[in-house]
Every structure is written in structure tokens, then in C-alpha cells.
PDB file of N, CA and C in Angstrom:
ATOM      1  N   UNK A   1      25.594   3.599 -11.630  1.00  0.00           N
ATOM      2  CA  UNK A   1      24.163   3.494 -11.424  1.00  0.00           C
ATOM      3  C   UNK A   1      23.553   4.889 -11.450  1.00  0.00           C
ATOM      4  N   UNK A   2      22.363   4.981 -11.931  1.00  0.00           N
ATOM      5  CA  UNK A   2      21.692   6.257 -12.061  1.00  0.00           C
ATOM      6  C   UNK A   2      21.205   6.714 -10.689  1.00  0.00           C
ATOM      7  N   UNK A   3      21.420   7.977 -10.406  1.00  0.00           N
ATOM      8  CA  UNK A   3      20.998   8.538  -9.134  1.00  0.00           C
ATOM      9  C   UNK A   3      19.649   9.211  -9.330  1.00  0.00           C
ATOM     10  N   UNK A   4      18.574   8.570  -8.921  1.00  0.00           N
ATOM     11  CA  UNK A   4      17.233   9.120  -9.064  1.00  0.00           C
ATOM     12  C   UNK A   4      16.891   9.924  -7.822  1.00  0.00           C
ATOM     13  N   UNK A   5      16.496  11.159  -8.003  1.00  0.00           N
ATOM     14  CA  UNK A   5      16.140  12.035  -6.896  1.00  0.00           C
ATOM     15  C   UNK A   5      14.798  12.668  -7.207  1.00  0.00           C
ATOM     16  N   UNK A   6      13.964  12.818  -6.192  1.00  0.00           N
ATOM     17  CA  UNK A   6      12.700  13.512  -6.358  1.00  0.00           C
ATOM     18  C   UNK A   6      12.956  14.998  -6.433  1.00  0.00           C
ATOM     19  N   UNK A   7      12.258  15.648  -7.323  1.00  0.00           N
ATOM     20  CA  UNK A   7      12.363  17.095  -7.434  1.00  0.00           C
ATOM     21  C   UNK A   7      11.134  17.761  -6.832  1.00  0.00           C
ATOM     22  N   UNK A   8      11.180  19.063  -6.824  1.00  0.00           N
ATOM     23  CA  UNK A   8      10.050  19.803  -6.267  1.00  0.00           C
ATOM     24  C   UNK A   8       8.791  19.620  -7.120  1.00  0.00           C
ATOM     25  N   UNK A   9       8.958  19.345  -8.419  1.00  0.00           N
ATOM     26  CA  UNK A   9       7.804  19.155  -9.285  1.00  0.00           C
ATOM     27  C   UNK A   9       7.043  17.877  -8.942  1.00  0.00           C
ATOM     28  N   UNK A  10       7.698  16.949  -8.250  1.00  0.00           N
ATOM     29  CA  UNK A  10       7.043  15.705  -7.865  1.00  0.00           C
ATOM     30  C   UNK A  10       6.073  15.897  -6.708  1.00  0.00           C
ATOM     31  N   UNK A  11       6.135  17.053  -6.054  1.00  0.00           N
ATOM     32  CA  UNK A  11       5.226  17.331  -4.941  1.00  0.00           C
ATOM     33  C   UNK A  11       3.765  17.289  -5.405  1.00  0.00           C
ATOM     34  N   UNK A  12       3.503  17.751  -6.621  1.00  0.00           N
ATOM     35  CA  UNK A  12       2.143  17.728  -7.155  1.00  0.00           C
ATOM     36  C   UNK A  12       1.628  16.293  -7.270  1.00  0.00           C
ATOM     37  N   UNK A  13       2.485  15.382  -7.687  1.00  0.00           N
ATOM     38  CA  UNK A  13       2.075  13.979  -7.795  1.00  0.00           C
ATOM     39  C   UNK A  13       1.758  13.382  -6.428  1.00  0.00           C
ATOM     40  N   UNK A  14       2.548  13.739  -5.415  1.00  0.00           N
ATOM     41  CA  UNK A  14       2.295  13.242  -4.060  1.00  0.00           C
ATOM     42  C   UNK A  14       0.961  13.786  -3.555  1.00  0.00           C
ATOM     43  N   UNK A  15       0.704  15.059  -3.813  1.00  0.00           N
ATOM     44  CA  UNK A  15      -0.573  15.661  -3.394  1.00  0.00           C
ATOM     45  C   UNK A  15      -1.743  14.992  -4.106  1.00  0.00           C
ATOM     46  N   UNK A  16      -1.573  14.681  -5.383  1.00  0.00           N
ATOM     47  CA  UNK A  16      -2.653  14.024  -6.138  1.00  0.00           C
ATOM     48  C   UNK A  16      -2.929  12.614  -5.603  1.00  0.00           C
ATOM     49  N   UNK A  17      -1.889  11.888  -5.225  1.00  0.00           N
ATOM     50  CA  UNK A  17      -2.081  10.546  -4.662  1.00  0.00           C
ATOM     51  C   UNK A  17      -2.852  10.640  -3.354  1.00  0.00           C
ATOM     52  N   UNK A  18      -2.470  11.586  -2.489  1.00  0.00           N
ATOM     53  CA  UNK A  18      -3.188  11.761  -1.222  1.00  0.00           C
ATOM     54  C   UNK A  18      -4.639  12.172  -1.469  1.00  0.00           C
ATOM     55  N   UNK A  19      -4.857  13.091  -2.410  1.00  0.00           N
ATOM     56  CA  UNK A  19      -6.217  13.557  -2.702  1.00  0.00           C
ATOM     57  C   UNK A  19      -7.087  12.409  -3.220  1.00  0.00           C
ATOM     58  N   UNK A  20      -6.573  11.634  -4.160  1.00  0.00           N
ATOM     59  CA  UNK A  20      -7.346  10.518  -4.692  1.00  0.00           C
ATOM     60  C   UNK A  20      -7.613   9.451  -3.628  1.00  0.00           C
ATOM     61  N   UNK A  21      -6.637   9.211  -2.772  1.00  0.00           N
ATOM     62  CA  UNK A  21      -6.814   8.225  -1.706  1.00  0.00           C
ATOM     63  C   UNK A  21      -7.906   8.659  -0.743  1.00  0.00           C
ATOM     64  N   UNK A  22      -7.887   9.926  -0.352  1.00  0.00           N
ATOM     65  CA  UNK A  22      -8.894  10.431   0.587  1.00  0.00           C
ATOM     66  C   UNK A  22     -10.273  10.434  -0.059  1.00  0.00           C
ATOM     67  N   UNK A  23     -10.355  10.811  -1.335  1.00  0.00           N
ATOM     68  CA  UNK A  23     -11.648  10.823  -2.029  1.00  0.00           C
ATOM     69  C   UNK A  23     -12.216   9.415  -2.146  1.00  0.00           C
ATOM     70  N   UNK A  24     -11.380   8.463  -2.554  1.00  0.00           N
ATOM     71  CA  UNK A  24     -11.854   7.078  -2.712  1.00  0.00           C
ATOM     72  C   UNK A  24     -12.266   6.502  -1.364  1.00  0.00           C
ATOM     73  N   UNK A  25     -11.473   6.756  -0.336  1.00  0.00           N
ATOM     74  CA  UNK A  25     -11.824   6.256   0.992  1.00  0.00           C
ATOM     75  C   UNK A  25     -13.091   6.927   1.508  1.00  0.00           C
ATOM     76  N   UNK A  26     -13.222   8.209   1.287  1.00  0.00           N
ATOM     77  CA  UNK A  26     -14.437   8.925   1.701  1.00  0.00           C
ATOM     78  C   UNK A  26     -15.672   8.427   0.975  1.00  0.00           C
ATOM     79  N   UNK A  27     -15.561   8.215  -0.327  1.00  0.00           N
ATOM     80  CA  UNK A  27     -16.691   7.674  -1.081  1.00  0.00           C
ATOM     81  C   UNK A  27     -17.022   6.257  -0.652  1.00  0.00           C
ATOM     82  N   UNK A  28     -16.010   5.489  -0.360  1.00  0.00           N
ATOM     83  CA  UNK A  28     -16.243   4.116   0.108  1.00  0.00           C
ATOM     84  C   UNK A  28     -16.975   4.087   1.438  1.00  0.00           C
ATOM     85  N   UNK A  29     -16.626   4.996   2.330  1.00  0.00           N
ATOM     86  CA  UNK A  29     -17.314   5.065   3.621  1.00  0.00           C
ATOM     87  C   UNK A  29     -18.735   5.584   3.441  1.00  0.00           C
ATOM     88  N   UNK A  30     -18.902   6.606   2.600  1.00  0.00           N
ATOM     89  CA  UNK A  30     -20.223   7.208   2.407  1.00  0.00           C
ATOM     90  C   UNK A  30     -21.195   6.254   1.721  1.00  0.00           C
ATOM     91  N   UNK A  31     -20.706   5.491   0.766  1.00  0.00           N
ATOM     92  CA  UNK A  31     -21.598   4.611   0.013  1.00  0.00           C
ATOM     93  C   UNK A  31     -21.545   3.172   0.502  1.00  0.00           C
ATOM     94  N   UNK A  32     -20.700   2.904   1.460  1.00  0.00           N
ATOM     95  CA  UNK A  32     -20.456   1.546   1.979  1.00  0.00           C
ATOM     96  C   UNK A  32     -20.152   0.558   0.838  1.00  0.00           C
ATOM     97  N   UNK A  33     -19.365   1.026  -0.106  1.00  0.00           N
ATOM     98  CA  UNK A  33     -18.947   0.184  -1.226  1.00  0.00           C
ATOM     99  C   UNK A  33     -17.668  -0.556  -0.841  1.00  0.00           C
ATOM    100  N   UNK A  34     -17.720  -1.881  -0.831  1.00  0.00           N
ATOM    101  CA  UNK A  34     -16.544  -2.637  -0.404  1.00  0.00           C
ATOM    102  C   UNK A  34     -15.310  -2.410  -1.276  1.00  0.00           C
ATOM    103  N   UNK A  35     -15.480  -2.294  -2.584  1.00  0.00           N
ATOM    104  CA  UNK A  35     -14.319  -2.140  -3.454  1.00  0.00           C
ATOM    105  C   UNK A  35     -13.646  -0.792  -3.238  1.00  0.00           C
ATOM    106  N   UNK A  36     -14.443   0.257  -3.007  1.00  0.00           N
ATOM    107  CA  UNK A  36     -13.849   1.559  -2.732  1.00  0.00           C
ATOM    108  C   UNK A  36     -13.155   1.574  -1.378  1.00  0.00           C
ATOM    109  N   UNK A  37     -13.699   0.871  -0.427  1.00  0.00           N
ATOM    110  CA  UNK A  37     -13.040   0.766   0.877  1.00  0.00           C
ATOM    111  C   UNK A  37     -11.704   0.038   0.763  1.00  0.00           C
ATOM    112  N   UNK A  38     -11.688  -1.021  -0.026  1.00  0.00           N
ATOM    113  CA  UNK A  38     -10.439  -1.775  -0.210  1.00  0.00           C
ATOM    114  C   UNK A  38      -9.392  -0.904  -0.894  1.00  0.00           C
ATOM    115  N   UNK A  39      -9.778  -0.207  -1.968  1.00  0.00           N
ATOM    116  CA  UNK A  39      -8.829   0.651  -2.672  1.00  0.00           C
ATOM    117  C   UNK A  39      -8.367   1.805  -1.792  1.00  0.00           C
ATOM    118  N   UNK A  40      -9.262   2.345  -0.984  1.00  0.00           N
ATOM    119  CA  UNK A  40      -8.881   3.427  -0.079  1.00  0.00           C
ATOM    120  C   UNK A  40      -7.925   2.959   0.997  1.00  0.00           C
ATOM    121  N   UNK A  41      -8.188   1.771   1.549  1.00  0.00           N
ATOM    122  CA  UNK A  41      -7.315   1.233   2.594  1.00  0.00           C
ATOM    123  C   UNK A  41      -5.956   0.853   2.006  1.00  0.00           C
ATOM    124  N   UNK A  42      -5.930   0.329   0.790  1.00  0.00           N
ATOM    125  CA  UNK A  42      -4.651   0.014   0.140  1.00  0.00           C
ATOM    126  C   UNK A  42      -3.897   1.278  -0.263  1.00  0.00           C
ATOM    127  N   UNK A  43      -4.642   2.326  -0.565  1.00  0.00           N
ATOM    128  CA  UNK A  43      -4.017   3.581  -0.975  1.00  0.00           C
ATOM    129  C   UNK A  43      -3.347   4.322   0.157  1.00  0.00           C
ATOM    130  N   UNK A  44      -3.823   4.138   1.381  1.00  0.00           N
ATOM    131  CA  UNK A  44      -3.236   4.854   2.517  1.00  0.00           C
ATOM    132  C   UNK A  44      -1.771   4.492   2.755  1.00  0.00           C
ATOM    133  N   UNK A  45      -1.420   3.204   2.891  1.00  0.00           N
ATOM    134  CA  UNK A  45       0.017   2.909   3.074  1.00  0.00           C
ATOM    135  C   UNK A  45       0.855   3.294   1.855  1.00  0.00           C
ATOM    136  N   UNK A  46       0.265   3.201   0.671  1.00  0.00           N
ATOM    137  CA  UNK A  46       1.001   3.595  -0.533  1.00  0.00           C
ATOM    138  C   UNK A  46       1.290   5.097  -0.519  1.00  0.00           C
ATOM    139  N   UNK A  47       0.322   5.900  -0.101  1.00  0.00           N
ATOM    140  CA  UNK A  47       0.519   7.348  -0.026  1.00  0.00           C
ATOM    141  C   UNK A  47       1.530   7.704   1.061  1.00  0.00           C
ATOM    142  N   UNK A  48       1.481   7.004   2.170  1.00  0.00           N
ATOM    143  CA  UNK A  48       2.450   7.256   3.248  1.00  0.00           C
ATOM    144  C   UNK A  48       3.861   6.910   2.769  1.00  0.00           C
ATOM    145  N   UNK A  49       4.020   5.774   2.108  1.00  0.00           N
ATOM    146  CA  UNK A  49       5.330   5.363   1.604  1.00  0.00           C
ATOM    147  C   UNK A  49       5.845   6.342   0.554  1.00  0.00           C
ATOM    148  N   UNK A  50       4.964   6.767  -0.352  1.00  0.00           N
ATOM    149  CA  UNK A  50       5.354   7.730  -1.382  1.00  0.00           C
ATOM    150  C   UNK A  50       5.779   9.049  -0.748  1.00  0.00           C
ATOM    151  N   UNK A  51       5.059   9.481   0.275  1.00  0.00           N
ATOM    152  CA  UNK A  51       5.430  10.723   0.958  1.00  0.00           C
ATOM    153  C   UNK A  51       6.782  10.585   1.642  1.00  0.00           C
ATOM    154  N   UNK A  52       7.024   9.439   2.264  1.00  0.00           N
ATOM    155  CA  UNK A  52       8.308   9.193   2.921  1.00  0.00           C
ATOM    156  C   UNK A  52       9.451   9.245   1.911  1.00  0.00           C
ATOM    157  N   UNK A  53       9.278   8.580   0.780  1.00  0.00           N
ATOM    158  CA  UNK A  53      10.328   8.564  -0.244  1.00  0.00           C
ATOM    159  C   UNK A  53      10.547   9.970  -0.794  1.00  0.00           C
ATOM    160  N   UNK A  54       9.475  10.699  -1.031  1.00  0.00           N
ATOM    161  CA  UNK A  54       9.605  12.054  -1.573  1.00  0.00           C
ATOM    162  C   UNK A  54      10.324  12.972  -0.587  1.00  0.00           C
ATOM    163  N   UNK A  55       9.942  12.905   0.678  1.00  0.00           N
ATOM    164  CA  UNK A  55      10.589  13.757   1.680  1.00  0.00           C
ATOM    165  C   UNK A  55      12.050  13.369   1.876  1.00  0.00           C
ATOM    166  N   UNK A  56      12.349  12.089   1.822  1.00  0.00           N
ATOM    167  CA  UNK A  56      13.729  11.625   1.960  1.00  0.00           C
ATOM    168  C   UNK A  56      14.588  12.115   0.795  1.00  0.00           C
ATOM    169  N   UNK A  57      14.030  12.096  -0.404  1.00  0.00           N
ATOM    170  CA  UNK A  57      14.807  12.454  -1.590  1.00  0.00           C
ATOM    171  C   UNK A  57      14.912  13.955  -1.819  1.00  0.00           C
ATOM    172  N   UNK A  58      14.084  14.756  -1.181  1.00  0.00           N
ATOM    173  CA  UNK A  58      14.156  16.199  -1.379  1.00  0.00           C
ATOM    174  C   UNK A  58      14.951  16.889  -0.287  1.00  0.00           C
ATOM    175  N   UNK A  59      15.517  16.121   0.653  1.00  0.00           N
ATOM    176  CA  UNK A  59      16.384  16.718   1.676  1.00  0.00           C
ATOM    177  C   UNK A  59      17.606  17.332   1.014  1.00  0.00           C
ATOM    178  N   UNK A  60      18.178  18.308   1.671  1.00  0.00           N
ATOM    179  CA  UNK A  60      19.403  18.896   1.144  1.00  0.00           C
ATOM    180  C   UNK A  60      20.574  18.005   1.522  1.00  0.00           C
ATOM    181  N   UNK A  61      21.569  17.963   0.654  1.00  0.00           N
ATOM    182  CA  UNK A  61      22.761  17.171   0.912  1.00  0.00           C
ATOM    183  C   UNK A  61      22.672  15.811   0.280  1.00  0.00           C
ATOM    184  N   UNK A  62      23.825  15.135   0.159  1.00  0.00           N
ATOM    185  CA  UNK A  62      23.836  13.803  -0.452  1.00  0.00           C
ATOM    186  C   UNK A  62      23.235  12.772   0.492  1.00  0.00           C
ATOM    187  N   UNK A  63      22.639  11.711  -0.052  1.00  0.00           N
ATOM    188  CA  UNK A  63      22.075  10.672   0.810  1.00  0.00           C
ATOM    189  C   UNK A  63      23.175   9.938   1.563  1.00  0.00           C
ATOM    190  N   UNK A  64      22.875   9.530   2.759  1.00  0.00           N
ATOM    191  CA  UNK A  64      23.849   8.820   3.575  1.00  0.00           C
ATOM    192  C   UNK A  64      24.118   7.451   2.978  1.00  0.00           C
ATOM    193  N   UNK A  65      25.370   7.064   2.956  1.00  0.00           N
ATOM    194  CA  UNK A  65      25.708   5.732   2.474  1.00  0.00           C
ATOM    195  C   UNK A  65      26.135   5.688   1.025  1.00  0.00           C
ATOM    196  N   UNK A  66      25.882   6.739   0.236  1.00  0.00           N
ATOM    197  CA  UNK A  66      26.296   6.663  -1.166  1.00  0.00           C
ATOM    198  C   UNK A  66      27.801   6.847  -1.262  1.00  0.00           C
ATOM    199  N   UNK A  67      28.335   7.901  -0.692  1.00  0.00           N
ATOM    200  CA  UNK A  67      29.766   8.102  -0.575  1.00  0.00           C
ATOM    201  C   UNK A  67      30.549   8.062  -1.874  1.00  0.00           C
ATOM    202  N   UNK A  68      29.932   7.732  -2.975  1.00  0.00           N
ATOM    203  CA  UNK A  68      30.609   7.669  -4.254  1.00  0.00           C
ATOM    204  C   UNK A  68      31.509   6.460  -4.416  1.00  0.00           C
ATOM    205  N   UNK A  69      31.514   5.542  -3.464  1.00  0.00           N
ATOM    206  CA  UNK A  69      32.401   4.382  -3.555  1.00  0.00           C
ATOM    207  C   UNK A  69      31.921   3.402  -4.623  1.00  0.00           C
ATOM    208  N   UNK A  70      30.643   3.380  -4.893  1.00  0.00           N
ATOM    209  CA  UNK A  70      30.110   2.440  -5.873  1.00  0.00           C
ATOM    210  C   UNK A  70      30.345   2.915  -7.299  1.00  0.00           C
ATOM    211  N   UNK A  71      30.615   4.212  -7.472  1.00  0.00           N
ATOM    212  CA  UNK A  71      30.814   4.746  -8.807  1.00  0.00           C
ATOM    213  C   UNK A  71      32.294   4.718  -9.150  1.00  0.00           C
ATOM    214  N   UNK A  72      32.681   4.007 -10.207  1.00  0.00           N
ATOM    215  CA  UNK A  72      34.101   3.962 -10.566  1.00  0.00           C
ATOM    216  C   UNK A  72      34.537   5.290 -11.171  1.00  0.00           C
ATOM    217  N   UNK A  73      35.779   5.644 -10.962  1.00  0.00           N
ATOM    218  CA  UNK A  73      36.313   6.847 -11.578  1.00  0.00           C
ATOM    219  C   UNK A  73      36.660   6.550 -13.026  1.00  0.00           C
ATOM    220  N   UNK A  74      36.846   7.590 -13.802  1.00  0.00           N
ATOM    221  CA  UNK A  74      37.117   7.386 -15.222  1.00  0.00           C
ATOM    222  C   UNK A  74      38.504   6.799 -15.455  1.00  0.00           C
ATOM    223  N   UNK A  75      39.423   6.952 -14.501  1.00  0.00           N
ATOM    224  CA  UNK A  75      40.780   6.444 -14.685  1.00  0.00           C
ATOM    225  C   UNK A  75      40.836   4.924 -14.530  1.00  0.00           C
ATOM    226  N   UNK A  76      39.989   4.347 -13.725  1.00  0.00           N
ATOM    227  CA  UNK A  76      40.041   2.904 -13.497  1.00  0.00           C
ATOM    228  C   UNK A  76      39.700   2.091 -14.746  1.00  0.00           C
ATOM    229  N   UNK A  77      38.585   2.373 -15.439  1.00  0.00           N
ATOM    230  CA  UNK A  77      38.306   1.573 -16.639  1.00  0.00           C
ATOM    231  C   UNK A  77      39.352   1.767 -17.725  1.00  0.00           C
ATOM    232  N   UNK A  78      39.933   2.958 -17.837  1.00  0.00           N
ATOM    233  CA  UNK A  78      40.935   3.212 -18.863  1.00  0.00           C
ATOM    234  C   UNK A  78      42.176   2.366 -18.608  1.00  0.00           C
ATOM    235  N   UNK A  79      42.612   2.303 -17.342  1.00  0.00           N
ATOM    236  CA  UNK A  79      43.800   1.511 -17.041  1.00  0.00           C
ATOM    237  C   UNK A  79      43.523   0.022 -17.230  1.00  0.00           C
ATOM    238  N   UNK A  80      42.317  -0.416 -16.940  1.00  0.00           N
ATOM    239  CA  UNK A  80      41.962  -1.827 -17.126  1.00  0.00           C
ATOM    240  C   UNK A  80      41.903  -2.169 -18.611  1.00  0.00           C
ATOM    241  N   UNK A  81      41.397  -1.223 -19.420  1.00  0.00           N
ATOM    242  CA  UNK A  81      41.317  -1.476 -20.850  1.00  0.00           C
ATOM    243  C   UNK A  81      42.703  -1.519 -21.478  1.00  0.00           C
ATOM    244  N   UNK A  82      43.578  -0.610 -21.033  1.00  0.00           N
ATOM    245  CA  UNK A  82      44.922  -0.600 -21.611  1.00  0.00           C
ATOM    246  C   UNK A  82      45.694  -1.857 -21.198  1.00  0.00           C
ATOM    247  N   UNK A  83      45.441  -2.346 -19.981  1.00  0.00           N
ATOM    248  CA  UNK A  83      46.085  -3.571 -19.536  1.00  0.00           C
ATOM    249  C   UNK A  83      45.589  -4.780 -20.303  1.00  0.00           C
ATOM    250  N   UNK A  84      44.312  -4.793 -20.646  1.00  0.00           N
ATOM    251  CA  UNK A  84      43.764  -5.937 -21.365  1.00  0.00           C
ATOM    252  C   UNK A  84      44.219  -5.930 -22.823  1.00  0.00           C
ATOM    253  N   UNK A  85      44.453  -4.756 -23.415  1.00  0.00           N
ATOM    254  CA  UNK A  85      44.925  -4.716 -24.794  1.00  0.00           C
ATOM    255  C   UNK A  85      46.396  -5.132 -24.853  1.00  0.00           C
ATOM    256  N   UNK A  86      47.168  -4.825 -23.792  1.00  0.00           N
ATOM    257  CA  UNK A  86      48.560  -5.284 -23.757  1.00  0.00           C
ATOM    258  C   UNK A  86      48.620  -6.801 -23.665  1.00  0.00           C
ATOM    259  N   UNK A  87      47.735  -7.403 -22.868  1.00  0.00           N
ATOM    260  CA  UNK A  87      47.723  -8.848 -22.715  1.00  0.00           C
ATOM    261  C   UNK A  87      47.302  -9.536 -24.007  1.00  0.00           C
ATOM    262  N   UNK A  88      46.350  -8.950 -24.735  1.00  0.00           N
ATOM    263  CA  UNK A  88      45.865  -9.593 -25.948  1.00  0.00           C
ATOM    264  C   UNK A  88      46.880  -9.500 -27.078  1.00  0.00           C
ATOM    265  N   UNK A  89      47.715  -8.454 -27.073  1.00  0.00           N
ATOM    266  CA  UNK A  89      48.688  -8.311 -28.138  1.00  0.00           C
ATOM    267  C   UNK A  89      49.916  -9.198 -27.908  1.00  0.00           C
ATOM    268  N   UNK A  90      50.116  -9.710 -26.695  1.00  0.00           N
ATOM    269  CA  UNK A  90      51.284 -10.548 -26.408  1.00  0.00           C
ATOM    270  C   UNK A  90      51.099 -11.972 -26.824  1.00  0.00           C
TER     271      UNK A  90
END
């Protein structure tokens, strides 16, 4: 499985999400526009979740629980393939 990790360059995207959320919410409050208020209120939990994921993925060290057990080593598929070719030739 692919190991997706946030990089430092993703910080700009997180800042942009927070900036747009605050602007939309501020405009919604200032103009009392219901649609802007809805988008601003929906944007807040999304920005918090995005920040949590970004901070979690930019920590130093491997993530807890990965342990490499889910990733097969290169020797395992080779031995399985050689065993299956022996069975098919018999």
C-alpha cells in the first residue's frame, strides 16, 4: 500500500483553507447571507480536520501501528511464485 505523508509544502494549502474559511464566515456574518454562513460553518470542521491530519503526518518518526507488517518482503512473493510454477509443471 502506498504510504501517503504530508510534506512541508502542504502547509500552504492548510493555511489557504483556513484563510478562505475565515473570509467566507466573516462575509457571511457581515452580510447576514445564509449560504455564506452555511459554507463557513461547514468549512470550520473541515479546516480543523485537515489541520489535524497535516500535523499528524508531519511528525517525525514512523506512524504508530504501521510496523511494516502489512508490507510483504520481496522474498515472500518469489518463493510463492516458484512454488506455484513447480505445482503447475507436475
